[in-house]
C-alpha atoms as a PDB file:
ATOM      1  CA  MET A   1     -14.613   9.845   7.846  1.00  0.00           C
ATOM      2  CA  SER A   2     -14.217   8.428  11.171  1.00  0.00           C
ATOM      3  CA  PHE A   3     -10.642   7.739  12.852  1.00  0.00           C
ATOM      4  CA  SER A   4     -12.686   5.076  14.898  1.00  0.00           C
ATOM      5  CA  LEU A   5     -10.857   1.839  15.413  1.00  0.00           C
ATOM      6  CA  GLU A   6     -13.783   0.349  17.447  1.00  0.00           C
ATOM      7  CA  GLY A   7     -13.907  -3.301  16.835  1.00  0.00           C
ATOM      8  CA  ARG A   8     -10.876  -3.595  15.320  1.00  0.00           C
ATOM      9  CA  VAL A   9      -7.417  -5.443  16.065  1.00  0.00           C
ATOM     10  CA  ALA A  10      -3.862  -4.255  15.967  1.00  0.00           C
ATOM     11  CA  VAL A  11      -0.753  -5.926  16.348  1.00  0.00           C
ATOM     12  CA  VAL A  12       2.345  -3.515  17.055  1.00  0.00           C
ATOM     13  CA  PHE A  13       5.897  -4.226  16.682  1.00  0.00           C
ATOM     14  CA  GLY A  14       8.659  -2.613  17.876  1.00  0.00           C
ATOM     15  CA  VAL A  15       7.964  -1.412  21.526  1.00  0.00           C
ATOM     16  CA  ALA A  16      11.021  -0.786  23.077  1.00  0.00           C
ATOM     17  CA  ASN A  17      10.190   1.755  25.885  1.00  0.00           C
ATOM     18  CA  LYS A  18       7.919   4.502  26.523  1.00  0.00           C
ATOM     19  CA  ARG A  19       9.639   6.889  24.371  1.00  0.00           C
ATOM     20  CA  SER A  20       9.557   4.855  21.462  1.00  0.00           C
ATOM     21  CA  ILE A  21       7.378   5.899  18.165  1.00  0.00           C
ATOM     22  CA  ALA A  22       5.873   2.348  18.730  1.00  0.00           C
ATOM     23  CA  TRP A  23       4.621   3.119  21.976  1.00  0.00           C
ATOM     24  CA  SER A  24       2.992   6.180  20.792  1.00  0.00           C
ATOM     25  CA  ILE A  25       1.346   4.715  18.139  1.00  0.00           C
ATOM     26  CA  ALA A  26       0.084   2.056  20.279  1.00  0.00           C
ATOM     27  CA  GLN A  27      -1.410   4.536  23.011  1.00  0.00           C
ATOM     28  CA  GLY A  28      -3.080   6.398  19.966  1.00  0.00           C
ATOM     29  CA  LEU A  29      -4.620   3.156  18.828  1.00  0.00           C
ATOM     30  CA  HIS A  30      -5.886   2.393  22.194  1.00  0.00           C
ATOM     31  CA  GLN A  31      -7.310   5.695  22.663  1.00  0.00           C
ATOM     32  CA  ALA A  32      -9.401   4.834  18.929  1.00  0.00           C
ATOM     33  CA  GLY A  33     -10.828   2.134  20.405  1.00  0.00           C
ATOM     34  CA  ALA A  34      -8.384  -0.762  19.292  1.00  0.00           C
ATOM     35  CA  ARG A  35      -7.931  -4.070  20.747  1.00  0.00           C
ATOM     36  CA  LEU A  36      -4.164  -4.054  21.108  1.00  0.00           C
ATOM     37  CA  ALA A  37      -1.424  -6.761  20.350  1.00  0.00           C
ATOM     38  CA  ILE A  38       2.279  -5.623  21.653  1.00  0.00           C
ATOM     39  CA  THR A  39       5.347  -7.710  20.600  1.00  0.00           C
ATOM     40  CA  TYR A  40       8.712  -7.811  22.812  1.00  0.00           C
ATOM     41  CA  GLN A  41      11.602  -9.043  20.777  1.00  0.00           C
ATOM     42  CA  ASN A  42      12.967 -11.305  23.436  1.00  0.00           C
ATOM     43  CA  GLU A  43      13.080 -11.662  27.127  1.00  0.00           C
ATOM     44  CA  ARG A  44      15.378  -9.205  28.079  1.00  0.00           C
ATOM     45  CA  LEU A  45      12.788  -6.761  26.736  1.00  0.00           C
ATOM     46  CA  GLU A  46       9.986  -8.512  28.130  1.00  0.00           C
ATOM     47  CA  GLN A  47       9.801  -6.648  31.617  1.00  0.00           C
ATOM     48  CA  GLU A  48       9.800  -3.287  29.879  1.00  0.00           C
ATOM     49  CA  ALA A  49       6.924  -4.261  27.569  1.00  0.00           C
ATOM     50  CA  LYS A  50       4.645  -5.611  30.521  1.00  0.00           C
ATOM     51  CA  ASP A  51       5.766  -2.827  32.499  1.00  0.00           C
ATOM     52  CA  LEU A  52       4.271  -0.156  29.591  1.00  0.00           C
ATOM     53  CA  ILE A  53       1.120  -2.828  28.604  1.00  0.00           C
ATOM     54  CA  PRO A  54      -0.979  -2.388  31.853  1.00  0.00           C
ATOM     55  CA  SER A  55      -1.657   1.213  31.281  1.00  0.00           C
ATOM     56  CA  LEU A  56      -3.649   0.355  28.191  1.00  0.00           C
ATOM     57  CA  PRO A  57      -6.173  -2.025  29.239  1.00  0.00           C
ATOM     58  CA  GLY A  58      -7.522  -5.103  27.306  1.00  0.00           C
ATOM     59  CA  ALA A  59      -3.901  -5.029  25.379  1.00  0.00           C
ATOM     60  CA  GLU A  60      -1.680  -8.137  25.572  1.00  0.00           C
ATOM     61  CA  ALA A  61       1.844  -9.086  25.069  1.00  0.00           C
ATOM     62  CA  PHE A  62       3.647 -11.550  22.870  1.00  0.00           C
ATOM     63  CA  MET A  63       7.334 -12.454  22.590  1.00  0.00           C
ATOM     64  CA  CYS A  64       8.360 -12.443  18.826  1.00  0.00           C
ATOM     65  CA  ASP A  65      12.066 -11.882  17.066  1.00  0.00           C
ATOM     66  CA  VAL A  66      11.021 -10.375  13.544  1.00  0.00           C
ATOM     67  CA  SER A  67      13.981 -11.754  12.209  1.00  0.00           C
ATOM     68  CA  LYS A  68      13.095 -15.449  12.558  1.00  0.00           C
ATOM     69  CA  ASP A  69      10.455 -17.290  10.564  1.00  0.00           C
ATOM     70  CA  GLU A  70      10.317 -19.748  13.506  1.00  0.00           C
ATOM     71  CA  GLU A  71       8.997 -17.350  15.769  1.00  0.00           C
ATOM     72  CA  ILE A  72       6.816 -15.264  13.408  1.00  0.00           C
ATOM     73  CA  GLU A  73       4.548 -18.232  12.184  1.00  0.00           C
ATOM     74  CA  PRO A  74       3.619 -19.277  15.550  1.00  0.00           C
ATOM     75  CA  LEU A  75       2.798 -15.698  16.633  1.00  0.00           C
ATOM     76  CA  PHE A  76       0.194 -15.215  14.305  1.00  0.00           C
ATOM     77  CA  SER A  77      -1.550 -18.765  15.188  1.00  0.00           C
ATOM     78  CA  LYS A  78      -1.390 -17.231  18.718  1.00  0.00           C
ATOM     79  CA  LEU A  79      -3.381 -13.853  16.977  1.00  0.00           C
ATOM     80  CA  LYS A  80      -5.334 -15.649  15.337  1.00  0.00           C
ATOM     81  CA  GLU A  81      -6.604 -17.921  18.042  1.00  0.00           C
ATOM     82  CA  THR A  82      -7.064 -15.000  20.316  1.00  0.00           C
ATOM     83  CA  TYR A  83      -8.395 -12.561  18.238  1.00  0.00           C
ATOM     84  CA  GLY A  84      -9.931 -14.234  14.984  1.00  0.00           C
ATOM     85  CA  LYS A  85      -8.845 -11.382  12.601  1.00  0.00           C
ATOM     86  CA  LEU A  86      -6.719  -8.540  12.530  1.00  0.00           C
ATOM     87  CA  HIS A  87      -7.209  -5.055  11.062  1.00  0.00           C
ATOM     88  CA  VAL A  88      -3.829  -2.769  11.306  1.00  0.00           C
ATOM     89  CA  LEU A  89       0.006  -3.992  11.710  1.00  0.00           C
ATOM     90  CA  VAL A  90       2.852  -1.578  12.673  1.00  0.00           C
ATOM     91  CA  HIS A  91       5.851  -2.289  11.889  1.00  0.00           C
ATOM     92  CA  SER A  92       8.642  -0.340  13.666  1.00  0.00           C
ATOM     93  CA  VAL A  93      11.779  -2.441  13.761  1.00  0.00           C
ATOM     94  CA  ALA A  94      14.952  -1.316  12.485  1.00  0.00           C
ATOM     95  CA  PHE A  95      18.478  -2.652  13.011  1.00  0.00           C
ATOM     96  CA  ALA A  96      22.119  -2.015  12.106  1.00  0.00           C
ATOM     97  CA  PRO A  97      25.510  -3.205  13.563  1.00  0.00           C
ATOM     98  CA  ALA A  98      26.656  -0.060  15.708  1.00  0.00           C
ATOM     99  CA  GLU A  99      30.306  -0.670  13.894  1.00  0.00           C
ATOM    100  CA  ASP A 100      28.256  -0.447  10.803  1.00  0.00           C
ATOM    101  CA  MET A 101      26.641   3.371  11.865  1.00  0.00           C
ATOM    102  CA  LYS A 102      30.101   4.631  12.371  1.00  0.00           C
ATOM    103  CA  GLY A 103      32.810   5.950  10.231  1.00  0.00           C
ATOM    104  CA  ASP A 104      32.810   5.956   6.264  1.00  0.00           C
ATOM    105  CA  PHE A 105      29.994   4.264   4.635  1.00  0.00           C
ATOM    106  CA  LEU A 106      32.183   2.803   1.825  1.00  0.00           C
ATOM    107  CA  ASN A 107      33.160   0.603   4.952  1.00  0.00           C
ATOM    108  CA  THR A 108      30.214  -1.245   5.487  1.00  0.00           C
ATOM    109  CA  SER A 109      30.598  -4.729   6.295  1.00  0.00           C
ATOM    110  CA  ARG A 110      29.225  -7.466   4.225  1.00  0.00           C
ATOM    111  CA  ASP A 111      27.373  -8.807   7.189  1.00  0.00           C
ATOM    112  CA  GLY A 112      26.235  -5.625   8.706  1.00  0.00           C
ATOM    113  CA  PHE A 113      24.557  -4.464   5.202  1.00  0.00           C
ATOM    114  CA  ARG A 114      22.657  -8.144   5.449  1.00  0.00           C
ATOM    115  CA  ILE A 115      21.460  -7.507   9.485  1.00  0.00           C
ATOM    116  CA  ALA A 116      20.521  -4.084   8.212  1.00  0.00           C
ATOM    117  CA  ASN A 117      18.449  -4.673   5.358  1.00  0.00           C
ATOM    118  CA  ASP A 118      17.302  -8.315   6.801  1.00  0.00           C
ATOM    119  CA  VAL A 119      15.811  -6.609  10.133  1.00  0.00           C
ATOM    120  CA  SER A 120      14.809  -3.571   8.870  1.00  0.00           C
ATOM    121  CA  VAL A 121      13.441  -4.286   5.526  1.00  0.00           C
ATOM    122  CA  TYR A 122      12.683  -7.972   5.107  1.00  0.00           C
ATOM    123  CA  SER A 123      10.783  -8.254   8.560  1.00  0.00           C
ATOM    124  CA  LEU A 124       8.147  -6.189   7.078  1.00  0.00           C
ATOM    125  CA  ILE A 125       7.548  -8.978   4.025  1.00  0.00           C
ATOM    126  CA  ALA A 126       7.476 -11.340   6.567  1.00  0.00           C
ATOM    127  CA  VAL A 127       5.158  -9.692   9.256  1.00  0.00           C
ATOM    128  CA  ALA A 128       2.708  -8.698   6.058  1.00  0.00           C
ATOM    129  CA  ARG A 129       2.872 -12.134   4.560  1.00  0.00           C
ATOM    130  CA  ALA A 130       1.587 -13.466   7.919  1.00  0.00           C
ATOM    131  CA  ALA A 131      -0.549 -11.199   8.506  1.00  0.00           C
ATOM    132  CA  ALA A 132      -2.573 -10.775   5.317  1.00  0.00           C
ATOM    133  CA  PRO A 133      -4.901 -14.139   6.022  1.00  0.00           C
ATOM    134  CA  LEU A 134      -6.299 -12.694   9.128  1.00  0.00           C
ATOM    135  CA  MET A 135      -7.068  -9.467   7.624  1.00  0.00           C
ATOM    136  CA  GLU A 136     -10.003 -10.906   5.976  1.00  0.00           C
ATOM    137  CA  ASP A 137     -11.944  -7.331   6.025  1.00  0.00           C
ATOM    138  CA  GLY A 138      -9.085  -5.879   4.633  1.00  0.00           C
ATOM    139  CA  GLY A 139      -6.729  -3.715   7.042  1.00  0.00           C
ATOM    140  CA  SER A 140      -3.761  -1.255   7.389  1.00  0.00           C
ATOM    141  CA  VAL A 141      -0.005  -2.010   7.285  1.00  0.00           C
ATOM    142  CA  ILE A 142       2.301   0.600   8.651  1.00  0.00           C
ATOM    143  CA  THR A 143       6.257   0.929   8.779  1.00  0.00           C
ATOM    144  CA  MET A 144       8.584   3.776   9.875  1.00  0.00           C
ATOM    145  CA  SER A 145      11.083   5.351   7.473  1.00  0.00           C
ATOM    146  CA  TYR A 146      13.614   8.113   7.870  1.00  0.00           C
ATOM    147  CA  TYR A 147      14.610  11.073   5.185  1.00  0.00           C
ATOM    148  CA  GLY A 148      18.022   9.354   5.039  1.00  0.00           C
ATOM    149  CA  ALA A 149      16.159   7.154   2.421  1.00  0.00           C
ATOM    150  CA  GLU A 150      16.346   9.497  -0.300  1.00  0.00           C
ATOM    151  CA  LYS A 151      19.353  12.111   0.642  1.00  0.00           C
ATOM    152  CA  VAL A 152      22.444  11.789   2.394  1.00  0.00           C
ATOM    153  CA  VAL A 153      22.778  12.134   6.244  1.00  0.00           C
ATOM    154  CA  PRO A 154      25.761  12.126   7.331  1.00  0.00           C
ATOM    155  CA  HIS A 155      26.391   8.897   9.963  1.00  0.00           C
ATOM    156  CA  TYR A 156      23.101   7.235   8.813  1.00  0.00           C
ATOM    157  CA  ASN A 157      24.985   5.469   6.944  1.00  0.00           C
ATOM    158  CA  VAL A 158      23.551   1.753   6.097  1.00  0.00           C
ATOM    159  CA  MET A 159      20.589   2.337   7.493  1.00  0.00           C
ATOM    160  CA  GLY A 160      19.802   5.206   4.868  1.00  0.00           C
ATOM    161  CA  VAL A 161      19.827   2.408   2.215  1.00  0.00           C
ATOM    162  CA  ALA A 162      18.072   0.045   4.434  1.00  0.00           C
ATOM    163  CA  LYS A 163      15.199   2.618   4.477  1.00  0.00           C
ATOM    164  CA  ALA A 164      15.331   3.190   0.807  1.00  0.00           C
ATOM    165  CA  ALA A 165      14.974  -0.499   0.377  1.00  0.00           C
ATOM    166  CA  LEU A 166      11.960  -0.555   2.760  1.00  0.00           C
ATOM    167  CA  GLU A 167       9.996   2.241   0.848  1.00  0.00           C
ATOM    168  CA  CYS A 168      10.243   0.363  -2.254  1.00  0.00           C
ATOM    169  CA  THR A 169       9.109  -2.745  -0.207  1.00  0.00           C
ATOM    170  CA  VAL A 170       5.996  -0.565   0.666  1.00  0.00           C
ATOM    171  CA  GLN A 171       5.052  -0.070  -3.180  1.00  0.00           C
ATOM    172  CA  TYR A 172       5.290  -3.432  -3.984  1.00  0.00           C
ATOM    173  CA  LEU A 173       3.530  -4.725  -0.938  1.00  0.00           C
ATOM    174  CA  ALA A 174       0.815  -2.168  -1.709  1.00  0.00           C
ATOM    175  CA  TYR A 175       0.421  -3.512  -5.050  1.00  0.00           C
ATOM    176  CA  ASP A 176       0.309  -7.074  -4.345  1.00  0.00           C
ATOM    177  CA  LEU A 177      -2.121  -6.681  -1.307  1.00  0.00           C
ATOM    178  CA  GLY A 178      -4.132  -3.772  -2.659  1.00  0.00           C
ATOM    179  CA  PRO A 179      -6.507  -7.049  -4.202  1.00  0.00           C
ATOM    180  CA  LYS A 180      -6.992  -7.953  -0.398  1.00  0.00           C
ATOM    181  CA  LYS A 181      -8.069  -4.400   0.142  1.00  0.00           C
ATOM    182  CA  ILE A 182      -4.902  -4.088   2.513  1.00  0.00           C
ATOM    183  CA  ARG A 183      -3.215  -0.889   2.297  1.00  0.00           C
ATOM    184  CA  VAL A 184       0.592  -0.399   3.165  1.00  0.00           C
ATOM    185  CA  ASN A 185       2.039   3.153   3.807  1.00  0.00           C
ATOM    186  CA  ALA A 186       5.238   4.383   5.753  1.00  0.00           C
ATOM    187  CA  ILE A 187       5.415   7.128   7.975  1.00  0.00           C
ATOM    188  CA  SER A 188       8.976   9.306   7.625  1.00  0.00           C
ATOM    189  CA  ALA A 189       9.516  11.061  10.908  1.00  0.00           C
ATOM    190  CA  GLY A 190      11.735  13.833  11.727  1.00  0.00           C
ATOM    191  CA  PRO A 191      14.426  13.041  14.139  1.00  0.00           C
ATOM    192  CA  ILE A 192      13.060  11.958  18.007  1.00  0.00           C
ATOM    193  CA  LYS A 193      15.283  11.088  20.658  1.00  0.00           C
ATOM    194  CA  THR A 194      14.278   7.964  20.982  1.00  0.00           C
ATOM    195  CA  LEU A 195      16.327   4.597  22.057  1.00  0.00           C
ATOM    196  CA  ALA A 196      17.171   3.435  18.378  1.00  0.00           C
ATOM    197  CA  ALA A 197      18.300   7.104  17.387  1.00  0.00           C
ATOM    198  CA  ARG A 198      20.858   7.095  19.657  1.00  0.00           C
ATOM    199  CA  GLY A 199      22.502   4.835  17.911  1.00  0.00           C
ATOM    200  CA  VAL A 200      23.153   7.623  15.176  1.00  0.00           C
ATOM    201  CA  SER A 201      26.251   9.761  16.237  1.00  0.00           C
ATOM    202  CA  GLY A 202      25.509  13.553  15.586  1.00  0.00           C
ATOM    203  CA  LEU A 203      21.841  13.369  16.924  1.00  0.00           C
ATOM    204  CA  GLY A 204      22.078  16.606  18.641  1.00  0.00           C
ATOM    205  CA  GLU A 205      23.411  18.633  15.663  1.00  0.00           C
ATOM    206  CA  MET A 206      20.475  17.046  13.584  1.00  0.00           C
ATOM    207  CA  LEU A 207      17.840  17.995  15.708  1.00  0.00           C
ATOM    208  CA  LYS A 208      19.288  21.254  15.877  1.00  0.00           C
ATOM    209  CA  SER A 209      19.560  21.371  11.699  1.00  0.00           C
ATOM    210  CA  HIS A 210      15.763  20.244  11.746  1.00  0.00           C
ATOM    211  CA  ALA A 211      14.485  22.736  13.943  1.00  0.00           C
ATOM    212  CA  GLU A 212      16.306  25.577  12.119  1.00  0.00           C
ATOM    213  CA  ARG A 213      15.744  24.344   8.591  1.00  0.00           C
ATOM    214  CA  ALA A 214      12.272  23.140   8.795  1.00  0.00           C
ATOM    215  CA  PRO A 215       9.084  25.545   7.900  1.00  0.00           C
ATOM    216  CA  LEU A 216       7.435  25.116  11.164  1.00  0.00           C
ATOM    217  CA  LYS A 217      10.842  25.574  12.838  1.00  0.00           C
ATOM    218  CA  ARG A 218      10.782  23.174  15.407  1.00  0.00           C
ATOM    219  CA  ASN A 219      11.096  19.713  15.661  1.00  0.00           C
ATOM    220  CA  VAL A 220       8.195  17.008  15.537  1.00  0.00           C
ATOM    221  CA  ASP A 221       6.826  15.537  18.956  1.00  0.00           C
ATOM    222  CA  VAL A 222       6.344  11.595  18.734  1.00  0.00           C
ATOM    223  CA  ASN A 223       2.643  12.023  19.885  1.00  0.00           C
ATOM    224  CA  GLU A 224       2.671  13.761  16.289  1.00  0.00           C
ATOM    225  CA  VAL A 225       3.747  10.704  14.554  1.00  0.00           C
ATOM    226  CA  GLY A 226       1.367   8.481  16.999  1.00  0.00           C
ATOM    227  CA  SER A 227      -1.680  10.451  15.800  1.00  0.00           C
ATOM    228  CA  THR A 228      -0.645  10.249  12.109  1.00  0.00           C
ATOM    229  CA  GLY A 229      -0.223   6.285  12.792  1.00  0.00           C
ATOM    230  CA  VAL A 230      -4.031   6.151  13.817  1.00  0.00           C
ATOM    231  CA  PHE A 231      -4.850   8.293  10.892  1.00  0.00           C
ATOM    232  CA  LEU A 232      -3.305   5.551   8.261  1.00  0.00           C
ATOM    233  CA  ALA A 233      -4.886   2.825  10.529  1.00  0.00           C
ATOM    234  CA  SER A 234      -8.224   4.470  10.472  1.00  0.00           C
ATOM    235  CA  ASP A 235     -10.789   4.637   7.295  1.00  0.00           C
ATOM    236  CA  ALA A 236     -10.265   8.371   7.429  1.00  0.00           C
ATOM    237  CA  SER A 237      -6.913   7.331   5.122  1.00  0.00           C
ATOM    238  CA  SER A 238      -8.987   4.869   3.204  1.00  0.00           C
ATOM    239  CA  GLY A 239      -7.822   5.837  -0.447  1.00  0.00           C
ATOM    240  CA  ILE A 240      -4.212   6.011   0.506  1.00  0.00           C
ATOM    241  CA  THR A 241      -1.623   2.879  -0.155  1.00  0.00           C
ATOM    242  CA  GLY A 242       1.830   2.965  -1.254  1.00  0.00           C
ATOM    243  CA  GLU A 243       2.775   6.174  -0.159  1.00  0.00           C
ATOM    244  CA  VAL A 244       5.481   7.864   2.424  1.00  0.00           C
ATOM    245  CA  ILE A 245       3.618  10.337   4.687  1.00  0.00           C
ATOM    246  CA  TYR A 246       6.288  12.697   5.808  1.00  0.00           C
ATOM    247  CA  VAL A 247       5.886  13.919   9.698  1.00  0.00           C
ATOM    248  CA  ASP A 248       8.755  16.020   9.942  1.00  0.00           C
ATOM    249  CA  CYS A 249       7.676  19.681  10.701  1.00  0.00           C
ATOM    250  CA  GLY A 250       8.141  20.009   6.620  1.00  0.00           C
ATOM    251  CA  TYR A 251      11.959  19.476   6.702  1.00  0.00           C
ATOM    252  CA  ASN A 252      11.897  17.344   3.679  1.00  0.00           C
ATOM    253  CA  ILE A 253      10.364  20.193   1.205  1.00  0.00           C
ATOM    254  CA  MET A 254      13.288  22.346   2.070  1.00  0.00           C
ATOM    255  CA  GLY A 255      16.393  22.990  -0.821  1.00  0.00           C
ATOM    256  CA  PHE A 256      18.810  24.171   1.913  1.00  0.00           C
END
C-alpha cells in the first residue's frame, strides 16, 4: 500500500514555528506529494508562518482562529474555492490558560476548564464538520494527544482532562464520519520540546523520565511523529479509524 499523497490536498492547523509537531507533519505531507494549506491563528503569528511556508513550494497560508466559528466557515469556503476538494486535515491545536497549568488541578478555574476544552477539543469537531463536505473522496482527520489523557501526569492538569475528551471525540467522530469514508485518528506523542510543551512545568524532568523508562531508552523525535502523520494520511492506513496511535518510544506500555 502506498504512502504517496500525490493529487491530494491537506490543511494543517497548529503550525507555530519550525519546532512544532504540525510543521513536521506538514513537511512530511509535502514530501509525500500533497498540496498544502497551512493555517496560522492570528496576525501575531502570520510572519512566522509566512517565513516557513516558502520552504514547501506550492503551500499556501490562511489565517484562522479555530475558537471562532466566524473564521472557520470563511476559511473552508476559501479552501473549496482554491482546491475544490480536501483529503487530509491535521488538527494540532491545544491551549489552556497558564494559571490553570500550575499548582493543583483541584484549583482549576471554571473559565480555564472551558477554554481548555473549547480550544483543544471542540475545535476538532468544528473543523471536521466544516471539512467533511469537501472530503468527497473520503479522507483522513488527524489530531494530537498525549499520555496525560489516561494517566496522571503531574503539572499537566486541565490539559490532561482536555486530551481525554479529545480522544473520546476522535471515537465519536470516527463513527459519524465512517460512512463518508473519512477516518479520524489521534497520535499520542511522547514529550517534545515544542513551544506548547514549554507551558508545562517540569518538562525537563518529564523528558528524563521518559528516556529512562521507555523501552527504546530515548525520547521520540518530532520527525518520527511527522512520519506517523503521513502514514495516517495515506492509503497505507486505510483500515484504521477511531484509534490513538502511540509514538512515544514505547513509554505507554510500561507499568513502572
